[in-house]
Amino acid sequence: MEQKAKRIGKLNIIDLIAIVLIVAVLALAAWKFIGKNGDSINYERPQTKVTYQVKVEGVAPELYENCQAHLPSPLMASGALVGGQIEAVEKETYQVLDANGNWVTDPDHVTLIFTVTTTTPTAEVMTTKVGDQEVRIGKTDYILKSEYIEFSDGTITNVIWGD
């Protein structure tokens, strides 16, 4: 009676487990080969080079030299490299209003302007993303993050699509 309970038709439980494991391995191999989006891994989409600038205001002056020491620096998002890199950084004075309402240079802070390059898939409607962030002129809450550099609340001041 015990042997009849362990049989399912002409298959026993061990045969059924072996079949399920073989199907699971084949499904995993197919998923890895074909890709998550149904696109073949070798499918090449046209890419567009994107160069953009990020302005970060009111930072300590020593950050300029520290950033220069690590350039070029590969871009990151969520702990992973996302393609592209920070190419250069420029330093400008940081202006503040004094008690009389006049703009004066703040000697304790500077403005940094980073030049970044990346590539993005070319599409009919261009939406440039680096990681999960969109790259658009005027975006004011951009997080510039690389292997060695990270600034939040950057403003994208210029974007060039193509060479």
N, C-alpha and C. Protein backbone atom coordinates (compact mmCIF):
# COMPACT_ATOMS: atom_id res chain seq x y z
N MET A 1 0.81 -1.19 0.00
CA MET A 1 0.00 0.00 0.00
C MET A 1 0.86 1.27 0.00
N GLU A 2 2.00 1.26 0.75
CA GLU A 2 2.88 2.41 0.78
C GLU A 2 3.46 2.71 -0.59
N GLN A 3 3.84 1.66 -1.32
CA GLN A 3 4.43 1.88 -2.64
C GLN A 3 3.41 2.47 -3.60
N LYS A 4 2.17 2.14 -3.50
CA LYS A 4 1.15 2.69 -4.38
C LYS A 4 0.94 4.19 -4.08
N ALA A 5 1.08 4.59 -2.81
CA ALA A 5 0.90 5.99 -2.45
C ALA A 5 2.02 6.86 -3.01
N LYS A 6 3.21 6.31 -3.16
CA LYS A 6 4.35 7.06 -3.65
C LYS A 6 4.41 7.11 -5.16
N ARG A 7 3.56 6.41 -5.84
CA ARG A 7 3.54 6.40 -7.29
C ARG A 7 2.44 7.32 -7.82
N ILE A 8 2.76 7.99 -8.88
CA ILE A 8 1.76 8.82 -9.55
C ILE A 8 1.72 8.29 -10.97
N GLY A 9 0.70 7.58 -11.30
CA GLY A 9 0.65 6.93 -12.60
C GLY A 9 1.80 5.96 -12.72
N LYS A 10 2.62 6.10 -13.77
CA LYS A 10 3.78 5.24 -13.93
C LYS A 10 5.06 5.89 -13.41
N LEU A 11 4.95 7.12 -12.83
CA LEU A 11 6.10 7.81 -12.29
C LEU A 11 6.07 7.76 -10.76
N ASN A 12 7.25 7.63 -10.18
CA ASN A 12 7.28 7.75 -8.72
C ASN A 12 7.73 9.17 -8.37
N ILE A 13 7.79 9.51 -7.10
CA ILE A 13 8.10 10.86 -6.64
C ILE A 13 9.51 11.27 -7.07
N ILE A 14 10.48 10.40 -7.02
CA ILE A 14 11.85 10.73 -7.40
C ILE A 14 11.91 11.09 -8.88
N ASP A 15 11.22 10.37 -9.73
CA ASP A 15 11.17 10.71 -11.15
C ASP A 15 10.56 12.10 -11.36
N LEU A 16 9.50 12.38 -10.64
CA LEU A 16 8.82 13.67 -10.77
C LEU A 16 9.75 14.82 -10.34
N ILE A 17 10.48 14.66 -9.23
CA ILE A 17 11.41 15.69 -8.77
C ILE A 17 12.52 15.91 -9.80
N ALA A 18 13.04 14.84 -10.38
CA ALA A 18 14.09 14.95 -11.39
C ALA A 18 13.60 15.71 -12.61
N ILE A 19 12.38 15.45 -13.04
CA ILE A 19 11.80 16.14 -14.20
C ILE A 19 11.63 17.62 -13.91
N VAL A 20 11.15 17.97 -12.72
CA VAL A 20 10.95 19.37 -12.34
C VAL A 20 12.29 20.10 -12.31
N LEU A 21 13.33 19.47 -11.76
CA LEU A 21 14.65 20.09 -11.72
C LEU A 21 15.22 20.32 -13.12
N ILE A 22 15.05 19.36 -14.01
CA ILE A 22 15.54 19.51 -15.38
C ILE A 22 14.82 20.66 -16.08
N VAL A 23 13.51 20.76 -15.92
CA VAL A 23 12.75 21.84 -16.54
C VAL A 23 13.18 23.19 -15.96
N ALA A 24 13.42 23.26 -14.64
CA ALA A 24 13.86 24.51 -14.01
C ALA A 24 15.22 24.95 -14.54
N VAL A 25 16.15 24.02 -14.70
CA VAL A 25 17.48 24.36 -15.23
C VAL A 25 17.37 24.84 -16.66
N LEU A 26 16.57 24.21 -17.49
CA LEU A 26 16.38 24.64 -18.87
C LEU A 26 15.73 26.04 -18.94
N ALA A 27 14.76 26.28 -18.07
CA ALA A 27 14.10 27.60 -18.05
C ALA A 27 15.08 28.68 -17.63
N LEU A 28 15.92 28.41 -16.63
CA LEU A 28 16.92 29.38 -16.19
C LEU A 28 17.93 29.67 -17.30
N ALA A 29 18.37 28.65 -17.99
CA ALA A 29 19.33 28.83 -19.08
C ALA A 29 18.69 29.66 -20.21
N ALA A 30 17.45 29.41 -20.53
CA ALA A 30 16.75 30.17 -21.57
C ALA A 30 16.59 31.63 -21.15
N TRP A 31 16.27 31.87 -19.88
CA TRP A 31 16.09 33.23 -19.38
C TRP A 31 17.40 34.00 -19.44
N LYS A 32 18.50 33.37 -19.06
CA LYS A 32 19.82 34.02 -19.12
C LYS A 32 20.22 34.30 -20.57
N PHE A 33 19.96 33.37 -21.47
CA PHE A 33 20.36 33.53 -22.87
C PHE A 33 19.54 34.59 -23.57
N ILE A 34 18.24 34.57 -23.39
CA ILE A 34 17.35 35.49 -24.10
C ILE A 34 17.34 36.86 -23.45
N GLY A 35 17.44 36.94 -22.14
CA GLY A 35 17.45 38.22 -21.45
C GLY A 35 16.10 38.48 -20.81
N LYS A 36 16.11 39.47 -19.91
CA LYS A 36 14.90 39.78 -19.15
C LYS A 36 13.82 40.43 -19.99
N ASN A 37 14.20 41.21 -20.99
CA ASN A 37 13.22 41.95 -21.79
C ASN A 37 12.79 41.20 -23.04
N GLY A 38 13.25 39.99 -23.20
CA GLY A 38 12.94 39.25 -24.41
C GLY A 38 13.88 39.58 -25.54
N ASP A 39 14.83 40.50 -25.32
CA ASP A 39 15.82 40.85 -26.33
C ASP A 39 16.98 39.88 -26.22
N SER A 40 17.55 39.54 -27.33
CA SER A 40 18.74 38.70 -27.32
C SER A 40 19.89 39.47 -26.71
N ILE A 41 20.77 38.79 -26.01
CA ILE A 41 21.91 39.44 -25.37
C ILE A 41 22.79 40.12 -26.41
N ASN A 42 22.92 39.55 -27.57
CA ASN A 42 23.79 40.12 -28.60
C ASN A 42 23.10 41.20 -29.42
N TYR A 43 21.88 41.53 -29.10
CA TYR A 43 21.13 42.53 -29.84
C TYR A 43 21.75 43.89 -29.58
N GLU A 44 22.26 44.52 -30.62
CA GLU A 44 22.92 45.82 -30.50
C GLU A 44 21.94 46.93 -30.85
N ARG A 45 21.71 47.82 -29.90
CA ARG A 45 20.88 48.99 -30.16
C ARG A 45 21.79 50.17 -30.45
N PRO A 46 21.41 51.04 -31.36
CA PRO A 46 22.23 52.23 -31.62
C PRO A 46 22.37 53.06 -30.34
N GLN A 47 23.56 53.59 -30.12
CA GLN A 47 23.85 54.37 -28.92
C GLN A 47 24.16 55.82 -29.31
N THR A 48 23.80 56.75 -28.45
CA THR A 48 24.09 58.16 -28.64
C THR A 48 24.96 58.63 -27.48
N LYS A 49 26.05 59.32 -27.81
CA LYS A 49 26.91 59.89 -26.77
C LYS A 49 26.21 61.12 -26.19
N VAL A 50 26.21 61.22 -24.87
CA VAL A 50 25.59 62.35 -24.18
C VAL A 50 26.65 62.98 -23.28
N THR A 51 26.84 64.29 -23.42
CA THR A 51 27.74 65.04 -22.56
C THR A 51 26.90 66.07 -21.82
N TYR A 52 27.04 66.12 -20.51
CA TYR A 52 26.26 67.09 -19.75
C TYR A 52 27.09 67.66 -18.61
N GLN A 53 26.63 68.83 -18.12
CA GLN A 53 27.33 69.49 -17.03
C GLN A 53 26.42 69.60 -15.81
N VAL A 54 27.02 69.36 -14.65
CA VAL A 54 26.30 69.43 -13.38
C VAL A 54 26.97 70.48 -12.51
N LYS A 55 26.16 71.47 -12.06
CA LYS A 55 26.68 72.53 -11.19
C LYS A 55 26.29 72.20 -9.74
N VAL A 56 27.32 72.22 -8.86
CA VAL A 56 27.10 72.00 -7.43
C VAL A 56 27.61 73.25 -6.71
N GLU A 57 26.71 73.93 -6.00
CA GLU A 57 27.05 75.22 -5.39
C GLU A 57 27.26 75.10 -3.88
N GLY A 58 28.13 75.98 -3.38
CA GLY A 58 28.31 76.12 -1.94
C GLY A 58 29.04 74.99 -1.26
N VAL A 59 30.08 74.46 -1.90
CA VAL A 59 30.84 73.36 -1.29
C VAL A 59 32.20 73.88 -0.81
N ALA A 60 32.82 73.11 0.05
CA ALA A 60 34.13 73.50 0.60
C ALA A 60 35.17 73.54 -0.51
N PRO A 61 36.06 74.53 -0.50
CA PRO A 61 37.06 74.68 -1.57
C PRO A 61 37.98 73.47 -1.75
N GLU A 62 38.31 72.77 -0.67
CA GLU A 62 39.23 71.63 -0.80
C GLU A 62 38.64 70.47 -1.59
N LEU A 63 37.32 70.45 -1.77
CA LEU A 63 36.70 69.38 -2.55
C LEU A 63 37.10 69.45 -4.03
N TYR A 64 37.44 70.64 -4.50
CA TYR A 64 37.87 70.79 -5.89
C TYR A 64 39.13 69.96 -6.16
N GLU A 65 40.15 70.13 -5.32
CA GLU A 65 41.40 69.38 -5.51
C GLU A 65 41.17 67.88 -5.30
N ASN A 66 40.36 67.53 -4.32
CA ASN A 66 40.07 66.12 -4.07
C ASN A 66 39.37 65.47 -5.25
N CYS A 67 38.45 66.17 -5.87
CA CYS A 67 37.75 65.64 -7.05
C CYS A 67 38.71 65.50 -8.23
N GLN A 68 39.57 66.50 -8.44
CA GLN A 68 40.51 66.44 -9.55
C GLN A 68 41.44 65.24 -9.45
N ALA A 69 41.78 64.85 -8.24
CA ALA A 69 42.69 63.72 -8.03
C ALA A 69 42.07 62.39 -8.47
N HIS A 70 40.74 62.36 -8.60
CA HIS A 70 40.06 61.10 -8.92
C HIS A 70 39.40 61.11 -10.30
N LEU A 71 39.81 62.02 -11.17
CA LEU A 71 39.20 62.09 -12.50
C LEU A 71 40.10 61.45 -13.54
N PRO A 72 39.55 60.81 -14.55
CA PRO A 72 38.13 60.52 -14.74
C PRO A 72 37.66 59.47 -13.73
N SER A 73 36.36 59.54 -13.42
CA SER A 73 35.78 58.67 -12.40
C SER A 73 34.49 58.04 -12.93
N PRO A 74 34.38 56.70 -12.93
CA PRO A 74 33.19 56.04 -13.50
C PRO A 74 31.92 56.30 -12.69
N LEU A 75 30.82 56.54 -13.40
CA LEU A 75 29.53 56.82 -12.76
C LEU A 75 28.96 55.59 -12.09
N MET A 76 28.25 55.82 -10.99
CA MET A 76 27.60 54.74 -10.25
C MET A 76 26.17 55.13 -9.90
N ALA A 77 25.35 54.11 -9.68
CA ALA A 77 24.00 54.30 -9.14
C ALA A 77 23.62 53.01 -8.44
N SER A 78 23.06 53.12 -7.27
CA SER A 78 22.64 51.95 -6.49
C SER A 78 23.78 50.95 -6.29
N GLY A 79 24.98 51.44 -6.11
CA GLY A 79 26.12 50.58 -5.83
C GLY A 79 26.71 49.87 -7.02
N ALA A 80 26.28 50.21 -8.23
CA ALA A 80 26.79 49.55 -9.43
C ALA A 80 27.23 50.58 -10.46
N LEU A 81 28.23 50.22 -11.26
CA LEU A 81 28.66 51.10 -12.34
C LEU A 81 27.56 51.15 -13.40
N VAL A 82 27.29 52.34 -13.94
CA VAL A 82 26.18 52.49 -14.88
C VAL A 82 26.63 52.91 -16.27
N GLY A 83 27.92 52.98 -16.51
CA GLY A 83 28.41 53.42 -17.82
C GLY A 83 28.55 54.92 -17.84
N GLY A 84 29.60 55.38 -18.44
CA GLY A 84 29.88 56.81 -18.46
C GLY A 84 30.83 57.18 -17.34
N GLN A 85 31.29 58.43 -17.36
CA GLN A 85 32.22 58.85 -16.33
C GLN A 85 32.24 60.36 -16.19
N ILE A 86 32.71 60.81 -15.03
CA ILE A 86 32.96 62.23 -14.81
C ILE A 86 34.30 62.51 -15.44
N GLU A 87 34.31 63.41 -16.41
CA GLU A 87 35.52 63.70 -17.18
C GLU A 87 36.36 64.81 -16.58
N ALA A 88 35.68 65.88 -16.11
CA ALA A 88 36.41 67.07 -15.66
C ALA A 88 35.60 67.82 -14.61
N VAL A 89 36.30 68.70 -13.88
CA VAL A 89 35.64 69.58 -12.92
C VAL A 89 36.29 70.95 -13.03
N GLU A 90 35.46 71.98 -12.96
CA GLU A 90 35.93 73.37 -12.97
C GLU A 90 35.46 74.03 -11.69
N LYS A 91 36.21 75.03 -11.24
CA LYS A 91 35.86 75.74 -10.01
C LYS A 91 35.50 77.18 -10.35
N GLU A 92 34.42 77.68 -9.75
CA GLU A 92 34.00 79.07 -9.87
C GLU A 92 33.77 79.64 -8.47
N THR A 93 33.74 80.95 -8.38
CA THR A 93 33.45 81.56 -7.08
C THR A 93 31.98 81.32 -6.72
N TYR A 94 31.70 81.36 -5.44
CA TYR A 94 30.33 81.20 -4.94
C TYR A 94 29.88 82.55 -4.41
N GLN A 95 28.78 83.05 -4.94
CA GLN A 95 28.27 84.37 -4.59
C GLN A 95 27.12 84.26 -3.60
N VAL A 96 27.13 85.15 -2.61
CA VAL A 96 26.05 85.22 -1.62
C VAL A 96 25.65 86.69 -1.44
N LEU A 97 24.48 86.91 -0.89
CA LEU A 97 24.01 88.27 -0.59
C LEU A 97 24.55 88.69 0.77
N ASP A 98 25.09 89.92 0.84
CA ASP A 98 25.54 90.43 2.14
C ASP A 98 24.37 91.13 2.84
N ALA A 99 24.64 91.72 3.98
CA ALA A 99 23.58 92.36 4.77
C ALA A 99 22.94 93.55 4.04
N ASN A 100 23.67 94.15 3.08
CA ASN A 100 23.15 95.29 2.33
C ASN A 100 22.44 94.89 1.04
N GLY A 101 22.34 93.59 0.78
CA GLY A 101 21.67 93.12 -0.43
C GLY A 101 22.57 93.08 -1.65
N ASN A 102 23.87 93.16 -1.45
CA ASN A 102 24.83 93.11 -2.56
C ASN A 102 25.40 91.69 -2.68
N TRP A 103 25.69 91.31 -3.92
CA TRP A 103 26.32 90.01 -4.15
C TRP A 103 27.82 90.12 -3.87
N VAL A 104 28.33 89.23 -3.03
CA VAL A 104 29.75 89.21 -2.69
C VAL A 104 30.25 87.77 -2.78
N THR A 105 31.57 87.62 -2.98
CA THR A 105 32.17 86.30 -3.05
C THR A 105 32.32 85.72 -1.65
N ASP A 106 31.86 84.48 -1.48
CA ASP A 106 32.00 83.77 -0.21
C ASP A 106 33.35 83.04 -0.25
N PRO A 107 34.32 83.43 0.60
CA PRO A 107 35.64 82.80 0.54
C PRO A 107 35.66 81.37 1.09
N ASP A 108 34.62 80.97 1.81
CA ASP A 108 34.58 79.64 2.43
C ASP A 108 33.90 78.59 1.57
N HIS A 109 33.37 78.99 0.41
CA HIS A 109 32.66 78.05 -0.45
C HIS A 109 32.99 78.32 -1.92
N VAL A 110 32.81 77.31 -2.75
CA VAL A 110 33.00 77.45 -4.20
C VAL A 110 31.85 76.75 -4.91
N THR A 111 31.76 76.99 -6.20
CA THR A 111 30.83 76.29 -7.08
C THR A 111 31.66 75.38 -7.97
N LEU A 112 31.27 74.12 -8.07
CA LEU A 112 31.96 73.16 -8.92
C LEU A 112 31.07 72.82 -10.11
N ILE A 113 31.67 72.76 -11.29
CA ILE A 113 30.94 72.37 -12.50
C ILE A 113 31.63 71.13 -13.06
N PHE A 114 30.88 70.01 -13.06
CA PHE A 114 31.39 68.74 -13.52
C PHE A 114 30.94 68.48 -14.95
N THR A 115 31.84 67.96 -15.78
CA THR A 115 31.50 67.53 -17.14
C THR A 115 31.45 66.01 -17.13
N VAL A 116 30.33 65.47 -17.59
CA VAL A 116 30.06 64.04 -17.55
C VAL A 116 29.75 63.55 -18.96
N THR A 117 30.27 62.37 -19.31
CA THR A 117 29.91 61.74 -20.59
C THR A 117 29.36 60.35 -20.33
N THR A 118 28.39 59.98 -21.16
CA THR A 118 27.80 58.65 -21.08
C THR A 118 27.23 58.32 -22.45
N THR A 119 26.73 57.12 -22.62
CA THR A 119 25.99 56.76 -23.83
C THR A 119 24.63 56.26 -23.41
N THR A 120 23.66 56.48 -24.27
CA THR A 120 22.30 56.05 -24.00
C THR A 120 21.73 55.46 -25.28
N PRO A 121 20.83 54.49 -25.18
CA PRO A 121 20.23 53.95 -26.40
C PRO A 121 19.48 55.05 -27.17
N THR A 122 19.69 55.08 -28.47
CA THR A 122 19.02 56.05 -29.32
C THR A 122 17.57 55.59 -29.50
N ALA A 123 16.66 56.50 -29.32
CA ALA A 123 15.23 56.17 -29.45
C ALA A 123 14.54 57.33 -30.14
N GLU A 124 13.34 57.08 -30.63
CA GLU A 124 12.60 58.15 -31.30
C GLU A 124 12.25 59.26 -30.33
N VAL A 125 11.86 58.90 -29.11
CA VAL A 125 11.63 59.89 -28.07
C VAL A 125 12.83 59.78 -27.14
N MET A 126 13.65 60.82 -27.09
CA MET A 126 14.90 60.75 -26.34
C MET A 126 14.63 60.98 -24.86
N THR A 127 14.86 59.96 -24.06
CA THR A 127 14.84 60.09 -22.60
C THR A 127 16.17 59.58 -22.12
N THR A 128 17.05 60.47 -21.74
CA THR A 128 18.38 60.10 -21.31
C THR A 128 18.33 59.78 -19.83
N LYS A 129 18.79 58.58 -19.49
CA LYS A 129 18.84 58.17 -18.09
C LYS A 129 20.23 57.69 -17.75
N VAL A 130 20.70 58.04 -16.57
CA VAL A 130 21.92 57.49 -16.00
C VAL A 130 21.47 56.82 -14.72
N GLY A 131 21.55 55.49 -14.70
CA GLY A 131 20.94 54.76 -13.59
C GLY A 131 19.44 54.99 -13.67
N ASP A 132 18.85 55.46 -12.58
CA ASP A 132 17.42 55.73 -12.55
C ASP A 132 17.10 57.22 -12.70
N GLN A 133 18.12 58.05 -12.90
CA GLN A 133 17.91 59.49 -12.97
C GLN A 133 17.86 59.98 -14.41
N GLU A 134 16.89 60.83 -14.69
CA GLU A 134 16.82 61.44 -16.01
C GLU A 134 17.80 62.60 -16.09
N VAL A 135 18.37 62.79 -17.26
CA VAL A 135 19.28 63.90 -17.51
C VAL A 135 18.54 64.91 -18.37
N ARG A 136 18.20 66.04 -17.77
CA ARG A 136 17.48 67.10 -18.46
C ARG A 136 18.02 68.45 -17.99
N ILE A 137 18.11 69.40 -18.91
CA ILE A 137 18.57 70.74 -18.55
C ILE A 137 17.61 71.33 -17.52
N GLY A 138 18.17 71.86 -16.45
CA GLY A 138 17.35 72.49 -15.41
C GLY A 138 17.00 71.57 -14.25
N LYS A 139 17.29 70.29 -14.35
CA LYS A 139 16.99 69.37 -13.25
C LYS A 139 17.82 69.80 -12.05
N THR A 140 17.17 70.03 -10.90
CA THR A 140 17.85 70.63 -9.75
C THR A 140 18.15 69.65 -8.62
N ASP A 141 17.68 68.44 -8.69
CA ASP A 141 17.93 67.50 -7.59
C ASP A 141 18.78 66.31 -8.05
N TYR A 142 19.68 66.58 -8.99
CA TYR A 142 20.50 65.52 -9.57
C TYR A 142 21.57 65.07 -8.56
N ILE A 143 21.73 63.76 -8.42
CA ILE A 143 22.77 63.20 -7.57
C ILE A 143 23.89 62.73 -8.48
N LEU A 144 25.04 63.38 -8.36
CA LEU A 144 26.22 63.02 -9.14
C LEU A 144 27.03 62.06 -8.28
N LYS A 145 27.15 60.82 -8.75
CA LYS A 145 27.80 59.79 -7.94
C LYS A 145 28.72 58.97 -8.80
N SER A 146 29.95 58.80 -8.30
CA SER A 146 30.91 57.96 -9.00
C SER A 146 31.59 57.07 -7.98
N GLU A 147 32.61 56.39 -8.45
CA GLU A 147 33.34 55.49 -7.57
C GLU A 147 33.95 56.24 -6.37
N TYR A 148 34.37 57.49 -6.58
CA TYR A 148 35.04 58.25 -5.52
C TYR A 148 34.38 59.57 -5.17
N ILE A 149 33.38 60.00 -5.93
CA ILE A 149 32.80 61.34 -5.78
C ILE A 149 31.29 61.20 -5.62
N GLU A 150 30.70 62.01 -4.73
CA GLU A 150 29.25 62.05 -4.62
C GLU A 150 28.78 63.42 -4.14
N PHE A 151 27.88 64.03 -4.91
CA PHE A 151 27.26 65.30 -4.56
C PHE A 151 25.76 65.17 -4.83
N SER A 152 24.96 65.70 -3.91
CA SER A 152 23.51 65.72 -4.14
C SER A 152 23.09 67.16 -4.44
N ASP A 153 21.88 67.32 -4.90
CA ASP A 153 21.30 68.62 -5.22
C ASP A 153 22.08 69.38 -6.29
N GLY A 154 22.64 68.66 -7.25
CA GLY A 154 23.29 69.30 -8.38
C GLY A 154 22.23 69.78 -9.38
N THR A 155 22.61 70.77 -10.19
CA THR A 155 21.72 71.28 -11.23
C THR A 155 22.36 71.00 -12.57
N ILE A 156 21.61 70.37 -13.46
CA ILE A 156 22.11 70.10 -14.82
C ILE A 156 21.95 71.38 -15.62
N THR A 157 23.07 71.91 -16.10
CA THR A 157 23.03 73.22 -16.77
C THR A 157 23.16 73.12 -18.28
N ASN A 158 23.65 71.98 -18.80
CA ASN A 158 23.85 71.86 -20.23
C ASN A 158 23.85 70.38 -20.60
N VAL A 159 23.22 70.05 -21.73
CA VAL A 159 23.21 68.67 -22.23
C VAL A 159 23.45 68.72 -23.73
N ILE A 160 24.39 67.90 -24.21
CA ILE A 160 24.65 67.80 -25.64
C ILE A 160 24.48 66.33 -26.04
N TRP A 161 23.56 66.08 -26.97
CA TRP A 161 23.34 64.75 -27.49
C TRP A 161 24.11 64.59 -28.79
N GLY A 162 24.92 63.59 -28.89
CA GLY A 162 25.72 63.36 -30.09
C GLY A 162 27.13 63.87 -29.88
N ASP A 163 27.94 63.81 -30.97
CA ASP A 163 29.36 64.18 -30.85
C ASP A 163 29.56 65.67 -30.73
